[in-house]
């Protein structure tokens, strides 16, 4: 996790020192570039990703994953919704059972380089013994790079975290720092990376780090193949549980 935090800090200061334009990613916890005025009102766009892995023989296993992403971009306002989940069994023993959802609203300022945001997240992870974890945050974001191929942005602000972990309730005033990056490769593929750090102010040892890196390759106008790696680190997990959950997910993406 020291590596993940170092990546976040390096990206933040690199953008601050060398960025000439500004931007933010539209991916798993991210936003798309605001569109200019048109004759048509802004509409929702989105994707549905579905993945299934199954084995039978000496070990019977199944893993299903799903993700829904939707966004609406206006001149000065951006709306982003995301939900994802996973369920798995190995020899009739649960290996994955999680659900996550987030919503974020961004208001772009006149100079198109700064924005304010409000965000909410909800998580359930039965395997990690997290009954629920609710996080709400407000703050400011800065677009370091924004062009047709590459975007880079960072966000920072206060947050409140409320969770039920191992049967106990915790309420933490926290901070939230995030970095988002996306690069399109000749409009035939895209890569993205994002990282989020949430340190509770009253209990710094209970910090969270959520990171993702992925690749998407289009197959048709409406269908793509997506592979991404998710890393969720909780420095103070439930007693008897590991602090790091790593998932490698591949699936088909349907655009709507």
C-alpha atoms as a PDB file:
ATOM      1  CA  UNK A   1       0.000   0.000   0.000  1.00  0.00           C
ATOM      2  CA  UNK A   2       2.995   2.340   0.407  1.00  0.00           C
ATOM      3  CA  UNK A   3       3.408   1.982  -3.363  1.00  0.00           C
ATOM      4  CA  UNK A   4      -0.243   2.905  -4.000  1.00  0.00           C
ATOM      5  CA  UNK A   5      -0.008   5.994  -1.779  1.00  0.00           C
ATOM      6  CA  UNK A   6       3.259   6.994  -3.446  1.00  0.00           C
ATOM      7  CA  UNK A   7       1.577   6.764  -6.871  1.00  0.00           C
ATOM      8  CA  UNK A   8      -1.211   9.059  -5.663  1.00  0.00           C
ATOM      9  CA  UNK A   9       1.199  11.673  -4.279  1.00  0.00           C
ATOM     10  CA  UNK A  10       3.401  11.565  -7.374  1.00  0.00           C
ATOM     11  CA  UNK A  11       0.413  11.989  -9.732  1.00  0.00           C
ATOM     12  CA  UNK A  12      -0.968  14.872  -7.674  1.00  0.00           C
ATOM     13  CA  UNK A  13       2.241  16.894  -7.628  1.00  0.00           C
ATOM     14  CA  UNK A  14       3.173  15.997 -11.201  1.00  0.00           C
ATOM     15  CA  UNK A  15      -0.107  17.444 -12.395  1.00  0.00           C
ATOM     16  CA  UNK A  16       0.311  20.525 -10.223  1.00  0.00           C
ATOM     17  CA  UNK A  17       3.794  21.197 -11.570  1.00  0.00           C
ATOM     18  CA  UNK A  18       3.503  20.229 -15.236  1.00  0.00           C
ATOM     19  CA  UNK A  19      -0.206  20.215 -16.146  1.00  0.00           C
ATOM     20  CA  UNK A  20      -1.203  22.806 -18.750  1.00  0.00           C
ATOM     21  CA  UNK A  21      -4.862  21.873 -19.127  1.00  0.00           C
ATOM     22  CA  UNK A  22      -7.315  20.187 -16.834  1.00  0.00           C
ATOM     23  CA  UNK A  23      -9.553  17.117 -16.777  1.00  0.00           C
ATOM     24  CA  UNK A  24     -11.093  14.170 -14.957  1.00  0.00           C
ATOM     25  CA  UNK A  25     -11.670  10.517 -15.761  1.00  0.00           C
ATOM     26  CA  UNK A  26     -15.023   8.927 -16.481  1.00  0.00           C
ATOM     27  CA  UNK A  27     -14.535   5.296 -15.311  1.00  0.00           C
ATOM     28  CA  UNK A  28     -15.220   3.126 -12.229  1.00  0.00           C
ATOM     29  CA  UNK A  29     -15.269   6.256  -9.301  1.00  0.00           C
ATOM     30  CA  UNK A  30     -14.674   9.099 -12.089  1.00  0.00           C
ATOM     31  CA  UNK A  31     -16.274  11.714 -14.385  1.00  0.00           C
ATOM     32  CA  UNK A  32     -16.231  12.572 -18.070  1.00  0.00           C
ATOM     33  CA  UNK A  33     -15.253  15.855 -19.641  1.00  0.00           C
ATOM     34  CA  UNK A  34     -18.073  18.391 -19.633  1.00  0.00           C
ATOM     35  CA  UNK A  35     -19.622  18.894 -23.058  1.00  0.00           C
ATOM     36  CA  UNK A  36     -20.249  22.241 -24.670  1.00  0.00           C
ATOM     37  CA  UNK A  37     -23.661  23.691 -25.382  1.00  0.00           C
ATOM     38  CA  UNK A  38     -25.735  21.824 -27.973  1.00  0.00           C
ATOM     39  CA  UNK A  39     -29.231  21.999 -29.350  1.00  0.00           C
ATOM     40  CA  UNK A  40     -30.101  18.770 -27.554  1.00  0.00           C
ATOM     41  CA  UNK A  41     -30.547  18.547 -23.772  1.00  0.00           C
ATOM     42  CA  UNK A  42     -27.919  16.417 -22.014  1.00  0.00           C
ATOM     43  CA  UNK A  43     -28.837  12.771 -21.595  1.00  0.00           C
ATOM     44  CA  UNK A  44     -27.654   9.819 -19.571  1.00  0.00           C
ATOM     45  CA  UNK A  45     -25.021   7.524 -21.102  1.00  0.00           C
ATOM     46  CA  UNK A  46     -23.693   4.379 -19.538  1.00  0.00           C
ATOM     47  CA  UNK A  47     -22.329   0.875 -19.663  1.00  0.00           C
ATOM     48  CA  UNK A  48     -23.162  -2.529 -18.182  1.00  0.00           C
ATOM     49  CA  UNK A  49     -20.297  -4.949 -17.535  1.00  0.00           C
ATOM     50  CA  UNK A  50     -20.932  -8.659 -16.909  1.00  0.00           C
ATOM     51  CA  UNK A  51     -18.362 -11.334 -16.107  1.00  0.00           C
ATOM     52  CA  UNK A  52     -18.756 -15.043 -15.284  1.00  0.00           C
ATOM     53  CA  UNK A  53     -16.065 -17.598 -14.411  1.00  0.00           C
ATOM     54  CA  UNK A  54     -16.908 -21.237 -13.632  1.00  0.00           C
ATOM     55  CA  UNK A  55     -14.887 -24.425 -13.099  1.00  0.00           C
ATOM     56  CA  UNK A  56     -15.968 -28.025 -12.528  1.00  0.00           C
ATOM     57  CA  UNK A  57     -13.896 -31.069 -11.656  1.00  0.00           C
ATOM     58  CA  UNK A  58     -11.599 -31.500  -8.679  1.00  0.00           C
ATOM     59  CA  UNK A  59     -12.797 -28.066  -7.536  1.00  0.00           C
ATOM     60  CA  UNK A  60     -16.198 -26.637  -8.395  1.00  0.00           C
ATOM     61  CA  UNK A  61     -16.267 -22.873  -8.417  1.00  0.00           C
ATOM     62  CA  UNK A  62     -18.228 -19.974  -9.831  1.00  0.00           C
ATOM     63  CA  UNK A  63     -17.627 -16.232  -9.784  1.00  0.00           C
ATOM     64  CA  UNK A  64     -20.046 -13.681 -11.201  1.00  0.00           C
ATOM     65  CA  UNK A  65     -19.422  -9.949 -11.361  1.00  0.00           C
ATOM     66  CA  UNK A  66     -21.446  -7.016 -12.603  1.00  0.00           C
ATOM     67  CA  UNK A  67     -21.054  -3.271 -12.927  1.00  0.00           C
ATOM     68  CA  UNK A  68     -23.372  -0.462 -13.999  1.00  0.00           C
ATOM     69  CA  UNK A  69     -21.985   3.005 -14.788  1.00  0.00           C
ATOM     70  CA  UNK A  70     -24.085   5.987 -15.880  1.00  0.00           C
ATOM     71  CA  UNK A  71     -23.214   9.635 -16.379  1.00  0.00           C
ATOM     72  CA  UNK A  72     -24.815  12.844 -17.610  1.00  0.00           C
ATOM     73  CA  UNK A  73     -22.683  15.824 -18.607  1.00  0.00           C
ATOM     74  CA  UNK A  74     -23.945  19.380 -18.975  1.00  0.00           C
ATOM     75  CA  UNK A  75     -21.927  22.556 -19.482  1.00  0.00           C
ATOM     76  CA  UNK A  76     -21.348  23.274 -15.798  1.00  0.00           C
ATOM     77  CA  UNK A  77     -22.706  20.150 -14.081  1.00  0.00           C
ATOM     78  CA  UNK A  78     -21.769  16.470 -14.141  1.00  0.00           C
ATOM     79  CA  UNK A  79     -23.683  13.546 -12.630  1.00  0.00           C
ATOM     80  CA  UNK A  80     -22.128  10.105 -12.120  1.00  0.00           C
ATOM     81  CA  UNK A  81     -23.676   6.906 -10.791  1.00  0.00           C
ATOM     82  CA  UNK A  82     -21.973   3.540 -10.333  1.00  0.00           C
ATOM     83  CA  UNK A  83     -22.827   0.188  -8.789  1.00  0.00           C
ATOM     84  CA  UNK A  84     -20.938  -3.108  -8.812  1.00  0.00           C
ATOM     85  CA  UNK A  85     -21.113  -6.459  -7.128  1.00  0.00           C
ATOM     86  CA  UNK A  86     -19.518  -9.898  -6.993  1.00  0.00           C
ATOM     87  CA  UNK A  87     -20.650 -13.324  -5.854  1.00  0.00           C
ATOM     88  CA  UNK A  88     -18.536 -16.480  -5.805  1.00  0.00           C
ATOM     89  CA  UNK A  89     -18.442 -20.021  -4.436  1.00  0.00           C
ATOM     90  CA  UNK A  90     -15.652 -22.603  -4.234  1.00  0.00           C
ATOM     91  CA  UNK A  91     -16.830 -26.136  -3.442  1.00  0.00           C
ATOM     92  CA  UNK A  92     -20.109 -24.718  -2.042  1.00  0.00           C
ATOM     93  CA  UNK A  93     -18.222 -22.283   0.212  1.00  0.00           C
ATOM     94  CA  UNK A  94     -18.736 -18.573  -0.424  1.00  0.00           C
ATOM     95  CA  UNK A  95     -15.597 -16.895  -1.740  1.00  0.00           C
ATOM     96  CA  UNK A  96     -17.074 -13.505  -2.667  1.00  0.00           C
ATOM     97  CA  UNK A  97     -20.203 -11.585  -1.705  1.00  0.00           C
ATOM     98  CA  UNK A  98     -19.976  -7.837  -2.084  1.00  0.00           C
ATOM     99  CA  UNK A  99     -22.000  -4.886  -3.330  1.00  0.00           C
ATOM    100  CA  UNK A 100     -20.944  -1.283  -3.788  1.00  0.00           C
ATOM    101  CA  UNK A 101     -22.643   1.864  -5.025  1.00  0.00           C
ATOM    102  CA  UNK A 102     -21.604   5.494  -5.453  1.00  0.00           C
ATOM    103  CA  UNK A 103     -23.056   8.782  -6.644  1.00  0.00           C
ATOM    104  CA  UNK A 104     -21.143  11.978  -7.385  1.00  0.00           C
ATOM    105  CA  UNK A 105     -22.158  15.462  -8.505  1.00  0.00           C
ATOM    106  CA  UNK A 106     -19.617  17.953  -9.857  1.00  0.00           C
ATOM    107  CA  UNK A 107     -20.122  21.669 -10.488  1.00  0.00           C
ATOM    108  CA  UNK A 108     -17.614  23.127 -12.927  1.00  0.00           C
ATOM    109  CA  UNK A 109     -16.416  26.680 -12.324  1.00  0.00           C
ATOM    110  CA  UNK A 110     -16.135  29.271 -15.069  1.00  0.00           C
ATOM    111  CA  UNK A 111     -12.407  28.803 -15.717  1.00  0.00           C
ATOM    112  CA  UNK A 112     -13.001  25.074 -16.423  1.00  0.00           C
ATOM    113  CA  UNK A 113     -10.050  24.060 -14.246  1.00  0.00           C
ATOM    114  CA  UNK A 114     -11.680  23.805 -10.823  1.00  0.00           C
ATOM    115  CA  UNK A 115     -14.839  22.112  -9.635  1.00  0.00           C
ATOM    116  CA  UNK A 116     -16.666  21.375  -6.422  1.00  0.00           C
ATOM    117  CA  UNK A 117     -18.132  17.952  -5.730  1.00  0.00           C
ATOM    118  CA  UNK A 118     -20.432  16.006  -3.451  1.00  0.00           C
ATOM    119  CA  UNK A 119     -20.087  12.231  -3.229  1.00  0.00           C
ATOM    120  CA  UNK A 120     -21.659   9.299  -1.413  1.00  0.00           C
ATOM    121  CA  UNK A 121     -20.518   5.651  -1.230  1.00  0.00           C
ATOM    122  CA  UNK A 122     -22.091   2.524   0.252  1.00  0.00           C
ATOM    123  CA  UNK A 123     -20.367  -0.860   0.633  1.00  0.00           C
ATOM    124  CA  UNK A 124     -21.339  -4.327   1.836  1.00  0.00           C
ATOM    125  CA  UNK A 125     -18.727  -7.085   1.943  1.00  0.00           C
ATOM    126  CA  UNK A 126     -19.784 -10.260   3.730  1.00  0.00           C
ATOM    127  CA  UNK A 127     -16.440 -12.014   3.219  1.00  0.00           C
ATOM    128  CA  UNK A 128     -14.559  -9.155   4.947  1.00  0.00           C
ATOM    129  CA  UNK A 129     -17.257  -9.007   7.673  1.00  0.00           C
ATOM    130  CA  UNK A 130     -18.289  -5.477   6.674  1.00  0.00           C
ATOM    131  CA  UNK A 131     -22.044  -5.306   7.165  1.00  0.00           C
ATOM    132  CA  UNK A 132     -22.034  -1.804   5.703  1.00  0.00           C
ATOM    133  CA  UNK A 133     -19.707   1.143   5.258  1.00  0.00           C
ATOM    134  CA  UNK A 134     -21.199   4.516   4.335  1.00  0.00           C
ATOM    135  CA  UNK A 135     -18.988   7.416   3.285  1.00  0.00           C
ATOM    136  CA  UNK A 136     -20.060  10.924   2.317  1.00  0.00           C
ATOM    137  CA  UNK A 137     -17.695  13.651   1.150  1.00  0.00           C
ATOM    138  CA  UNK A 138     -17.658  17.182  -0.235  1.00  0.00           C
ATOM    139  CA  UNK A 139     -14.666  19.038  -1.573  1.00  0.00           C
ATOM    140  CA  UNK A 140     -12.822  20.515  -4.506  1.00  0.00           C
ATOM    141  CA  UNK A 141     -11.246  18.996  -7.586  1.00  0.00           C
ATOM    142  CA  UNK A 142      -8.609  20.199  -9.998  1.00  0.00           C
ATOM    143  CA  UNK A 143      -8.238  19.226 -13.665  1.00  0.00           C
ATOM    144  CA  UNK A 144      -4.529  18.915 -14.488  1.00  0.00           C
ATOM    145  CA  UNK A 145      -4.901  17.516 -18.013  1.00  0.00           C
ATOM    146  CA  UNK A 146      -7.961  17.551 -20.241  1.00  0.00           C
ATOM    147  CA  UNK A 147      -7.797  16.761 -23.934  1.00  0.00           C
ATOM    148  CA  UNK A 148      -9.349  14.257 -26.313  1.00  0.00           C
ATOM    149  CA  UNK A 149      -6.900  11.504 -25.398  1.00  0.00           C
ATOM    150  CA  UNK A 150      -5.703  12.040 -21.830  1.00  0.00           C
ATOM    151  CA  UNK A 151      -7.267  13.271 -18.607  1.00  0.00           C
ATOM    152  CA  UNK A 152      -5.801  13.609 -15.115  1.00  0.00           C
ATOM    153  CA  UNK A 153      -7.474  15.040 -12.025  1.00  0.00           C
ATOM    154  CA  UNK A 154      -7.280  15.064  -8.231  1.00  0.00           C
ATOM    155  CA  UNK A 155      -9.869  15.667  -5.499  1.00  0.00           C
ATOM    156  CA  UNK A 156      -9.617  16.482  -1.813  1.00  0.00           C
ATOM    157  CA  UNK A 157     -12.141  17.279   0.894  1.00  0.00           C
ATOM    158  CA  UNK A 158     -13.615  16.384   4.297  1.00  0.00           C
ATOM    159  CA  UNK A 159     -15.642  13.194   4.708  1.00  0.00           C
ATOM    160  CA  UNK A 160     -17.744  11.291   7.226  1.00  0.00           C
ATOM    161  CA  UNK A 161     -17.532   7.505   7.482  1.00  0.00           C
ATOM    162  CA  UNK A 162     -20.082   5.315   9.277  1.00  0.00           C
ATOM    163  CA  UNK A 163     -19.670   1.552   9.347  1.00  0.00           C
ATOM    164  CA  UNK A 164     -20.703  -1.677  11.005  1.00  0.00           C
ATOM    165  CA  UNK A 165     -17.592  -3.858  11.164  1.00  0.00           C
ATOM    166  CA  UNK A 166     -17.514  -7.193  12.973  1.00  0.00           C
ATOM    167  CA  UNK A 167     -20.823  -6.315  14.646  1.00  0.00           C
ATOM    168  CA  UNK A 168     -19.534  -2.986  15.997  1.00  0.00           C
ATOM    169  CA  UNK A 169     -20.520   0.496  14.844  1.00  0.00           C
ATOM    170  CA  UNK A 170     -17.906   3.158  14.122  1.00  0.00           C
ATOM    171  CA  UNK A 171     -18.339   6.812  13.188  1.00  0.00           C
ATOM    172  CA  UNK A 172     -15.271   8.630  11.895  1.00  0.00           C
ATOM    173  CA  UNK A 173     -14.775  12.219  10.743  1.00  0.00           C
ATOM    174  CA  UNK A 174     -12.383  11.689   7.856  1.00  0.00           C
ATOM    175  CA  UNK A 175     -10.667  13.200   4.861  1.00  0.00           C
ATOM    176  CA  UNK A 176     -10.791  11.997   1.261  1.00  0.00           C
ATOM    177  CA  UNK A 177      -8.083  12.274  -1.388  1.00  0.00           C
ATOM    178  CA  UNK A 178      -8.475  10.870  -4.888  1.00  0.00           C
ATOM    179  CA  UNK A 179      -6.624  10.789  -8.195  1.00  0.00           C
ATOM    180  CA  UNK A 180      -8.052   9.734 -11.594  1.00  0.00           C
ATOM    181  CA  UNK A 181      -6.284   9.082 -14.901  1.00  0.00           C
ATOM    182  CA  UNK A 182      -7.445   7.917 -18.336  1.00  0.00           C
ATOM    183  CA  UNK A 183      -5.731   7.625 -21.720  1.00  0.00           C
ATOM    184  CA  UNK A 184      -7.346   6.688 -25.031  1.00  0.00           C
ATOM    185  CA  UNK A 185      -5.168   4.761 -27.465  1.00  0.00           C
ATOM    186  CA  UNK A 186      -6.023   5.827 -31.032  1.00  0.00           C
ATOM    187  CA  UNK A 187      -9.722   5.680 -30.107  1.00  0.00           C
ATOM    188  CA  UNK A 188      -9.497   1.877 -30.278  1.00  0.00           C
ATOM    189  CA  UNK A 189      -8.798   1.187 -26.599  1.00  0.00           C
ATOM    190  CA  UNK A 190      -8.460   2.982 -23.303  1.00  0.00           C
ATOM    191  CA  UNK A 191      -6.544   2.475 -20.085  1.00  0.00           C
ATOM    192  CA  UNK A 192      -7.453   3.996 -16.755  1.00  0.00           C
ATOM    193  CA  UNK A 193      -6.231   4.164 -13.190  1.00  0.00           C
ATOM    194  CA  UNK A 194      -7.683   5.689 -10.044  1.00  0.00           C
ATOM    195  CA  UNK A 195      -6.848   5.662  -6.367  1.00  0.00           C
ATOM    196  CA  UNK A 196      -8.729   6.900  -3.303  1.00  0.00           C
ATOM    197  CA  UNK A 197      -7.329   7.334   0.217  1.00  0.00           C
ATOM    198  CA  UNK A 198      -9.663   7.865   3.205  1.00  0.00           C
ATOM    199  CA  UNK A 199      -7.877   8.463   6.546  1.00  0.00           C
ATOM    200  CA  UNK A 200     -10.131   8.862   9.626  1.00  0.00           C
ATOM    201  CA  UNK A 201      -9.029  11.961  11.517  1.00  0.00           C
ATOM    202  CA  UNK A 202      -9.770  10.520  14.958  1.00  0.00           C
ATOM    203  CA  UNK A 203      -8.320   7.069  14.204  1.00  0.00           C
ATOM    204  CA  UNK A 204      -5.593   7.401  11.539  1.00  0.00           C
ATOM    205  CA  UNK A 205      -4.655   3.712  11.750  1.00  0.00           C
ATOM    206  CA  UNK A 206      -8.068   2.772  10.310  1.00  0.00           C
ATOM    207  CA  UNK A 207      -7.336   4.319   6.904  1.00  0.00           C
ATOM    208  CA  UNK A 208      -8.687   2.868   3.658  1.00  0.00           C
ATOM    209  CA  UNK A 209      -7.096   2.742   0.206  1.00  0.00           C
ATOM    210  CA  UNK A 210      -9.156   1.820  -2.875  1.00  0.00           C
ATOM    211  CA  UNK A 211      -7.383   1.503  -6.214  1.00  0.00           C
ATOM    212  CA  UNK A 212      -8.215   0.292  -9.709  1.00  0.00           C
ATOM    213  CA  UNK A 213      -6.365  -0.081 -13.009  1.00  0.00           C
ATOM    214  CA  UNK A 214      -7.947  -1.372 -16.201  1.00  0.00           C
ATOM    215  CA  UNK A 215      -7.958  -1.802 -19.973  1.00  0.00           C
ATOM    216  CA  UNK A 216     -10.952  -1.692 -22.332  1.00  0.00           C
ATOM    217  CA  UNK A 217     -10.858  -2.801 -25.977  1.00  0.00           C
ATOM    218  CA  UNK A 218     -13.873  -2.246 -28.265  1.00  0.00           C
ATOM    219  CA  UNK A 219     -15.251  -5.194 -30.219  1.00  0.00           C
ATOM    220  CA  UNK A 220     -18.162  -3.400 -31.902  1.00  0.00           C
ATOM    221  CA  UNK A 221     -19.809   0.013 -31.600  1.00  0.00           C
ATOM    222  CA  UNK A 222     -21.839  -1.181 -28.593  1.00  0.00           C
ATOM    223  CA  UNK A 223     -19.709  -4.030 -27.220  1.00  0.00           C
ATOM    224  CA  UNK A 224     -16.281  -4.004 -25.565  1.00  0.00           C
ATOM    225  CA  UNK A 225     -13.996  -6.322 -23.617  1.00  0.00           C
ATOM    226  CA  UNK A 226     -12.846  -4.980 -20.258  1.00  0.00           C
ATOM    227  CA  UNK A 227     -10.224  -6.261 -17.809  1.00  0.00           C
ATOM    228  CA  UNK A 228      -9.468  -4.455 -14.567  1.00  0.00           C
ATOM    229  CA  UNK A 229      -7.715  -5.022 -11.252  1.00  0.00           C
ATOM    230  CA  UNK A 230      -9.297  -3.792  -8.000  1.00  0.00           C
ATOM    231  CA  UNK A 231      -7.345  -3.454  -4.771  1.00  0.00           C
ATOM    232  CA  UNK A 232      -9.189  -2.621  -1.527  1.00  0.00           C
ATOM    233  CA  UNK A 233      -6.980  -2.159   1.531  1.00  0.00           C
ATOM    234  CA  UNK A 234      -8.277  -1.639   5.080  1.00  0.00           C
ATOM    235  CA  UNK A 235      -5.449  -1.040   7.553  1.00  0.00           C
ATOM    236  CA  UNK A 236      -7.666  -2.197  10.433  1.00  0.00           C
ATOM    237  CA  UNK A 237      -9.875  -5.045   9.133  1.00  0.00           C
ATOM    238  CA  UNK A 238     -12.276  -7.078  11.224  1.00  0.00           C
ATOM    239  CA  UNK A 239     -10.414  -9.299  13.730  1.00  0.00           C
ATOM    240  CA  UNK A 240      -9.195 -12.477  12.063  1.00  0.00           C
ATOM    241  CA  UNK A 241      -9.565 -11.086   8.518  1.00  0.00           C
ATOM    242  CA  UNK A 242      -6.892  -9.981   6.046  1.00  0.00           C
ATOM    243  CA  UNK A 243      -6.339  -6.311   5.357  1.00  0.00           C
ATOM    244  CA  UNK A 244      -6.127  -6.537   1.552  1.00  0.00           C
ATOM    245  CA  UNK A 245      -8.634  -7.766  -1.058  1.00  0.00           C
ATOM    246  CA  UNK A 246      -7.440  -8.049  -4.649  1.00  0.00           C
ATOM    247  CA  UNK A 247      -9.742  -8.858  -7.591  1.00  0.00           C
ATOM    248  CA  UNK A 248      -8.868  -9.381 -11.256  1.00  0.00           C
ATOM    249  CA  UNK A 249     -12.056  -9.087 -13.309  1.00  0.00           C
ATOM    250  CA  UNK A 250     -12.734  -9.608 -17.025  1.00  0.00           C
ATOM    251  CA  UNK A 251     -16.093  -9.096 -18.665  1.00  0.00           C
ATOM    252  CA  UNK A 252     -18.133  -7.882 -21.606  1.00  0.00           C
ATOM    253  CA  UNK A 253     -19.243  -4.250 -21.664  1.00  0.00           C
ATOM    254  CA  UNK A 254     -22.571  -3.242 -23.219  1.00  0.00           C
ATOM    255  CA  UNK A 255     -22.999   0.464 -23.965  1.00  0.00           C
ATOM    256  CA  UNK A 256     -26.346   2.268 -23.820  1.00  0.00           C
END
